[in-house]
N, C-alpha and C. Protein backbone atom coordinates (compact mmCIF):
# COMPACT_ATOMS: atom_id res chain seq x y z
N MET A 1 23.99 98.12 97.15
CA MET A 1 25.13 98.21 96.25
C MET A 1 26.40 98.58 97.00
N THR A 2 26.31 99.52 97.96
CA THR A 2 27.49 99.94 98.72
C THR A 2 28.09 98.76 99.48
N LEU A 3 27.25 97.88 100.01
CA LEU A 3 27.75 96.73 100.75
C LEU A 3 28.61 95.85 99.84
N THR A 4 28.14 95.57 98.64
CA THR A 4 28.89 94.75 97.69
C THR A 4 30.22 95.42 97.33
N ILE A 5 30.17 96.70 97.07
CA ILE A 5 31.40 97.44 96.72
C ILE A 5 32.37 97.41 97.88
N THR A 6 31.87 97.67 99.09
CA THR A 6 32.74 97.69 100.27
C THR A 6 33.35 96.32 100.53
N LEU A 7 32.57 95.28 100.43
CA LEU A 7 33.10 93.94 100.67
C LEU A 7 34.09 93.52 99.59
N THR A 8 33.84 93.91 98.35
CA THR A 8 34.80 93.64 97.28
C THR A 8 36.11 94.38 97.54
N TYR A 9 36.01 95.63 97.93
CA TYR A 9 37.16 96.46 98.26
C TYR A 9 37.96 95.83 99.40
N CYS A 10 37.28 95.43 100.46
CA CYS A 10 37.95 94.83 101.62
C CYS A 10 38.58 93.48 101.25
N ALA A 11 37.91 92.71 100.41
CA ALA A 11 38.47 91.43 99.98
C ALA A 11 39.75 91.65 99.17
N LEU A 12 39.74 92.63 98.29
CA LEU A 12 40.94 92.93 97.51
C LEU A 12 42.08 93.40 98.42
N LEU A 13 41.77 94.23 99.40
CA LEU A 13 42.79 94.63 100.37
C LEU A 13 43.29 93.41 101.15
N GLY A 14 42.40 92.49 101.45
CA GLY A 14 42.78 91.26 102.15
C GLY A 14 43.75 90.41 101.32
N PHE A 15 43.46 90.29 100.02
CA PHE A 15 44.38 89.55 99.14
C PHE A 15 45.75 90.23 99.09
N LEU A 16 45.75 91.56 99.03
CA LEU A 16 47.01 92.29 99.03
C LEU A 16 47.77 92.11 100.35
N ALA A 17 47.04 92.07 101.45
CA ALA A 17 47.67 91.84 102.75
C ALA A 17 48.31 90.45 102.80
N VAL A 18 47.61 89.45 102.30
CA VAL A 18 48.18 88.09 102.25
C VAL A 18 49.43 88.09 101.38
N PHE A 19 49.38 88.76 100.24
CA PHE A 19 50.54 88.87 99.36
C PHE A 19 51.72 89.49 100.10
N GLN A 20 51.46 90.57 100.84
CA GLN A 20 52.53 91.22 101.60
C GLN A 20 53.09 90.29 102.68
N VAL A 21 52.23 89.53 103.33
CA VAL A 21 52.70 88.57 104.34
C VAL A 21 53.58 87.51 103.68
N LEU A 22 53.21 87.07 102.49
CA LEU A 22 54.05 86.10 101.77
C LEU A 22 55.42 86.69 101.45
N LEU A 23 55.45 87.97 101.13
CA LEU A 23 56.72 88.65 100.91
C LEU A 23 57.53 88.74 102.21
N ILE A 24 56.85 89.02 103.31
CA ILE A 24 57.51 89.15 104.61
C ILE A 24 58.18 87.84 105.01
N VAL A 25 57.51 86.72 104.76
CA VAL A 25 58.07 85.42 105.17
C VAL A 25 59.11 84.90 104.18
N GLY A 26 59.36 85.63 103.10
CA GLY A 26 60.47 85.29 102.23
C GLY A 26 60.13 84.55 100.95
N LEU A 27 58.87 84.46 100.59
CA LEU A 27 58.56 83.83 99.31
C LEU A 27 59.11 84.67 98.17
N PRO A 28 59.58 84.04 97.11
CA PRO A 28 60.21 84.76 95.99
C PRO A 28 59.19 85.40 95.05
N LEU A 29 58.49 86.41 95.56
CA LEU A 29 57.46 87.11 94.79
C LEU A 29 57.80 88.59 94.62
N GLY A 30 59.03 88.94 94.93
CA GLY A 30 59.44 90.34 94.91
C GLY A 30 59.34 91.02 93.56
N ARG A 31 59.28 90.24 92.50
CA ARG A 31 59.17 90.86 91.16
C ARG A 31 57.85 91.59 90.98
N PHE A 32 56.88 91.32 91.86
CA PHE A 32 55.57 91.95 91.78
C PHE A 32 55.43 93.17 92.69
N ALA A 33 56.48 93.51 93.44
CA ALA A 33 56.35 94.59 94.43
C ALA A 33 57.67 95.32 94.63
N TRP A 34 57.56 96.52 95.17
CA TRP A 34 58.72 97.30 95.58
C TRP A 34 59.71 97.50 94.44
N GLY A 35 59.21 97.71 93.25
CA GLY A 35 60.08 97.97 92.11
C GLY A 35 60.58 96.72 91.41
N GLY A 36 60.32 95.56 92.00
CA GLY A 36 60.69 94.29 91.36
C GLY A 36 62.16 93.99 91.33
N HIS A 37 62.96 94.69 92.12
CA HIS A 37 64.41 94.52 92.08
C HIS A 37 64.89 93.26 92.80
N ASN A 38 64.12 92.77 93.76
CA ASN A 38 64.53 91.62 94.58
C ASN A 38 63.48 90.54 94.51
N GLU A 39 63.90 89.34 94.13
CA GLU A 39 62.96 88.22 94.11
C GLU A 39 62.50 87.91 95.55
N VAL A 40 63.45 87.88 96.48
CA VAL A 40 63.16 87.75 97.91
C VAL A 40 63.52 89.09 98.54
N LEU A 41 62.59 89.64 99.28
CA LEU A 41 62.80 90.99 99.81
C LEU A 41 63.85 91.03 100.92
N PRO A 42 64.68 92.07 100.91
CA PRO A 42 65.59 92.29 102.04
C PRO A 42 64.80 92.79 103.25
N ALA A 43 65.45 92.84 104.39
CA ALA A 43 64.78 93.17 105.66
C ALA A 43 64.05 94.51 105.60
N ARG A 44 64.66 95.53 105.01
CA ARG A 44 64.02 96.85 105.02
C ARG A 44 62.72 96.85 104.22
N LEU A 45 62.68 96.09 103.12
CA LEU A 45 61.45 96.02 102.33
C LEU A 45 60.42 95.12 102.99
N ARG A 46 60.87 94.13 103.75
CA ARG A 46 59.93 93.31 104.52
C ARG A 46 59.23 94.17 105.57
N LEU A 47 59.98 95.09 106.15
CA LEU A 47 59.38 96.03 107.09
C LEU A 47 58.34 96.90 106.38
N GLY A 48 58.66 97.33 105.16
CA GLY A 48 57.70 98.09 104.36
C GLY A 48 56.45 97.28 104.07
N SER A 49 56.62 95.98 103.81
CA SER A 49 55.47 95.12 103.58
C SER A 49 54.62 94.99 104.84
N ALA A 50 55.27 94.92 105.99
CA ALA A 50 54.52 94.86 107.26
C ALA A 50 53.72 96.14 107.46
N LEU A 51 54.32 97.27 107.16
CA LEU A 51 53.61 98.54 107.25
C LEU A 51 52.43 98.56 106.28
N SER A 52 52.62 98.01 105.10
CA SER A 52 51.54 97.95 104.11
C SER A 52 50.34 97.17 104.65
N VAL A 53 50.59 96.07 105.33
CA VAL A 53 49.50 95.27 105.90
C VAL A 53 48.71 96.12 106.89
N PHE A 54 49.41 96.88 107.72
CA PHE A 54 48.74 97.77 108.67
C PHE A 54 47.92 98.83 107.93
N VAL A 55 48.50 99.44 106.91
CA VAL A 55 47.80 100.47 106.13
C VAL A 55 46.54 99.89 105.48
N TYR A 56 46.65 98.68 104.92
CA TYR A 56 45.48 98.04 104.31
C TYR A 56 44.37 97.85 105.35
N ALA A 57 44.74 97.48 106.57
CA ALA A 57 43.74 97.29 107.63
C ALA A 57 43.05 98.62 107.96
N VAL A 58 43.82 99.69 108.02
CA VAL A 58 43.24 101.02 108.28
C VAL A 58 42.31 101.41 107.13
N PHE A 59 42.75 101.19 105.89
CA PHE A 59 41.92 101.52 104.73
C PHE A 59 40.60 100.74 104.76
N ALA A 60 40.67 99.47 105.13
CA ALA A 60 39.45 98.64 105.21
C ALA A 60 38.53 99.18 106.31
N ALA A 61 39.10 99.53 107.45
CA ALA A 61 38.29 100.05 108.56
C ALA A 61 37.59 101.35 108.17
N VAL A 62 38.29 102.22 107.45
CA VAL A 62 37.68 103.47 107.00
C VAL A 62 36.51 103.17 106.06
N ALA A 63 36.69 102.24 105.15
CA ALA A 63 35.61 101.88 104.21
C ALA A 63 34.43 101.27 104.93
N LEU A 64 34.70 100.40 105.89
CA LEU A 64 33.62 99.78 106.65
C LEU A 64 32.86 100.82 107.46
N ASP A 65 33.59 101.80 107.98
CA ASP A 65 32.95 102.89 108.70
C ASP A 65 32.10 103.74 107.76
N ARG A 66 32.66 104.13 106.65
CA ARG A 66 31.94 104.96 105.67
C ARG A 66 30.67 104.27 105.19
N SER A 67 30.72 102.94 105.10
CA SER A 67 29.57 102.17 104.62
C SER A 67 28.57 101.87 105.73
N GLY A 68 28.89 102.27 106.95
CA GLY A 68 27.97 102.07 108.06
C GLY A 68 28.02 100.69 108.68
N LEU A 69 29.02 99.91 108.36
CA LEU A 69 29.11 98.56 108.91
C LEU A 69 29.78 98.53 110.27
N ILE A 70 30.60 99.51 110.55
CA ILE A 70 31.19 99.71 111.88
C ILE A 70 31.15 101.21 112.15
N SER A 71 31.40 101.58 113.40
CA SER A 71 31.40 103.00 113.74
C SER A 71 32.68 103.34 114.49
N LEU A 72 33.57 104.03 113.79
CA LEU A 72 34.84 104.45 114.38
C LEU A 72 34.98 105.97 114.40
N LEU A 73 34.52 106.60 113.34
CA LEU A 73 34.70 108.04 113.16
C LEU A 73 33.35 108.75 113.16
N PRO A 74 33.33 110.01 113.61
CA PRO A 74 32.08 110.76 113.51
C PRO A 74 31.71 111.02 112.05
N ALA A 75 30.44 111.29 111.82
CA ALA A 75 29.87 111.38 110.47
C ALA A 75 30.69 112.18 109.46
N PRO A 76 31.08 113.39 109.69
CA PRO A 76 31.81 114.05 108.61
C PRO A 76 33.22 113.51 108.42
N ALA A 77 33.83 113.01 109.48
CA ALA A 77 35.21 112.53 109.40
C ALA A 77 35.33 111.27 108.57
N ASP A 78 34.31 110.42 108.59
CA ASP A 78 34.38 109.18 107.81
C ASP A 78 34.40 109.47 106.31
N VAL A 79 33.66 110.48 105.90
CA VAL A 79 33.63 110.85 104.47
C VAL A 79 34.99 111.43 104.06
N VAL A 80 35.51 112.33 104.87
CA VAL A 80 36.82 112.94 104.57
C VAL A 80 37.90 111.86 104.54
N ALA A 81 37.90 110.98 105.52
CA ALA A 81 38.91 109.92 105.57
C ALA A 81 38.83 109.01 104.34
N MET A 82 37.62 108.71 103.90
CA MET A 82 37.48 107.85 102.72
C MET A 82 37.99 108.55 101.48
N TRP A 83 37.78 109.86 101.36
CA TRP A 83 38.31 110.61 100.22
C TRP A 83 39.83 110.66 100.26
N VAL A 84 40.40 110.77 101.44
CA VAL A 84 41.87 110.75 101.57
C VAL A 84 42.40 109.39 101.12
N VAL A 85 41.75 108.32 101.55
CA VAL A 85 42.15 106.97 101.13
C VAL A 85 42.03 106.83 99.61
N ALA A 86 40.92 107.29 99.06
CA ALA A 86 40.70 107.19 97.61
C ALA A 86 41.79 107.96 96.85
N ALA A 87 42.12 109.15 97.32
CA ALA A 87 43.17 109.94 96.66
C ALA A 87 44.52 109.23 96.75
N TYR A 88 44.83 108.67 97.90
CA TYR A 88 46.09 107.93 98.06
C TYR A 88 46.15 106.76 97.09
N LEU A 89 45.06 106.01 97.01
CA LEU A 89 45.03 104.85 96.13
C LEU A 89 45.13 105.26 94.66
N LEU A 90 44.49 106.35 94.31
CA LEU A 90 44.58 106.83 92.94
C LEU A 90 46.02 107.24 92.61
N LEU A 91 46.67 107.92 93.54
CA LEU A 91 48.06 108.32 93.32
C LEU A 91 49.01 107.11 93.29
N SER A 92 48.64 106.04 93.98
CA SER A 92 49.50 104.85 94.02
C SER A 92 49.56 104.14 92.67
N VAL A 93 48.66 104.46 91.78
CA VAL A 93 48.71 103.88 90.44
C VAL A 93 49.98 104.34 89.72
N LEU A 94 50.38 105.57 89.93
CA LEU A 94 51.52 106.15 89.21
C LEU A 94 52.83 105.40 89.44
N PRO A 95 53.26 105.16 90.69
CA PRO A 95 54.50 104.42 90.85
C PRO A 95 54.42 102.99 90.33
N ASN A 96 53.23 102.40 90.39
CA ASN A 96 53.09 101.05 89.85
C ASN A 96 53.24 101.06 88.33
N LEU A 97 52.72 102.09 87.68
CA LEU A 97 52.90 102.21 86.23
C LEU A 97 54.35 102.52 85.86
N ALA A 98 55.05 103.23 86.74
CA ALA A 98 56.43 103.63 86.47
C ALA A 98 57.45 102.56 86.85
N SER A 99 57.01 101.48 87.46
CA SER A 99 57.93 100.45 87.91
C SER A 99 58.74 99.88 86.76
N LYS A 100 59.98 99.54 87.03
CA LYS A 100 60.82 98.89 86.01
C LYS A 100 60.47 97.42 85.87
N SER A 101 59.70 96.91 86.82
CA SER A 101 59.28 95.52 86.79
C SER A 101 58.01 95.38 85.94
N ARG A 102 58.13 94.65 84.85
CA ARG A 102 56.98 94.41 83.98
C ARG A 102 55.87 93.69 84.75
N ASP A 103 56.27 92.72 85.60
CA ASP A 103 55.28 91.98 86.37
C ASP A 103 54.52 92.89 87.33
N GLU A 104 55.23 93.81 87.96
CA GLU A 104 54.57 94.75 88.87
C GLU A 104 53.62 95.67 88.10
N ARG A 105 54.06 96.16 86.97
CA ARG A 105 53.19 97.03 86.15
C ARG A 105 51.93 96.28 85.73
N ARG A 106 52.08 95.05 85.33
CA ARG A 106 50.93 94.28 84.84
C ARG A 106 49.95 93.88 85.93
N LEU A 107 50.45 93.63 87.13
CA LEU A 107 49.56 93.18 88.21
C LEU A 107 49.12 94.31 89.13
N MET A 108 50.09 95.09 89.59
CA MET A 108 49.76 96.05 90.64
C MET A 108 49.13 97.35 90.12
N ALA A 109 49.49 97.79 88.92
CA ALA A 109 48.87 99.01 88.39
C ALA A 109 47.35 98.83 88.22
N PRO A 110 46.89 97.75 87.57
CA PRO A 110 45.44 97.58 87.46
C PRO A 110 44.77 97.35 88.82
N THR A 111 45.47 96.64 89.71
CA THR A 111 44.92 96.41 91.04
C THR A 111 44.73 97.73 91.77
N SER A 112 45.74 98.60 91.70
CA SER A 112 45.65 99.92 92.33
C SER A 112 44.51 100.74 91.74
N LEU A 113 44.35 100.65 90.44
CA LEU A 113 43.29 101.41 89.78
C LEU A 113 41.91 100.91 90.19
N VAL A 114 41.74 99.60 90.26
CA VAL A 114 40.46 99.03 90.71
C VAL A 114 40.18 99.45 92.15
N LEU A 115 41.19 99.34 93.02
CA LEU A 115 41.01 99.75 94.42
C LEU A 115 40.62 101.22 94.51
N ALA A 116 41.27 102.06 93.72
CA ALA A 116 40.95 103.50 93.73
C ALA A 116 39.51 103.71 93.28
N GLY A 117 39.08 103.03 92.24
CA GLY A 117 37.70 103.17 91.77
C GLY A 117 36.69 102.73 92.81
N LEU A 118 36.97 101.62 93.47
CA LEU A 118 36.09 101.15 94.53
C LEU A 118 36.06 102.14 95.70
N ALA A 119 37.24 102.68 96.03
CA ALA A 119 37.31 103.66 97.14
C ALA A 119 36.52 104.92 96.79
N ILE A 120 36.59 105.36 95.56
CA ILE A 120 35.82 106.54 95.15
C ILE A 120 34.32 106.24 95.26
N ALA A 121 33.92 105.06 94.82
CA ALA A 121 32.50 104.69 94.91
C ALA A 121 32.05 104.67 96.37
N ILE A 122 32.90 104.15 97.26
CA ILE A 122 32.56 104.12 98.68
C ILE A 122 32.49 105.54 99.24
N ALA A 123 33.44 106.37 98.86
CA ALA A 123 33.44 107.77 99.33
C ALA A 123 32.17 108.49 98.89
N LEU A 124 31.72 108.19 97.68
CA LEU A 124 30.49 108.82 97.16
C LEU A 124 29.25 108.24 97.82
N GLY A 125 29.40 107.10 98.50
CA GLY A 125 28.27 106.47 99.15
C GLY A 125 27.41 105.68 98.21
N ARG A 126 28.02 105.12 97.17
CA ARG A 126 27.25 104.37 96.17
C ARG A 126 27.37 102.90 96.37
């Protein structure tokens, strides 16, 4: 079960990374991210999207480690790191819900909540 949860989690992070890359290259999808104020992101938000891709990769690596599919961190650190990721993802639901962009609220808030739930399941080792 943990393998399925971890792979689902990583796939969802992968889709989000692709979405961020599309924002970086200038596709007019900004209504779904960064508050929805810009259809095409300005340079500073494109940099934020690039950072997001890196963060998603780190989050995926932590989950893969916690699930035993790779080995990066020692045994107690992988559990702690996964709980930190889960807490971050759970907190990320709030700004998505508070966004002035209806499209961002409708797409990213549920996505954040699903990611947080999957991260909690991975942290619990289920």
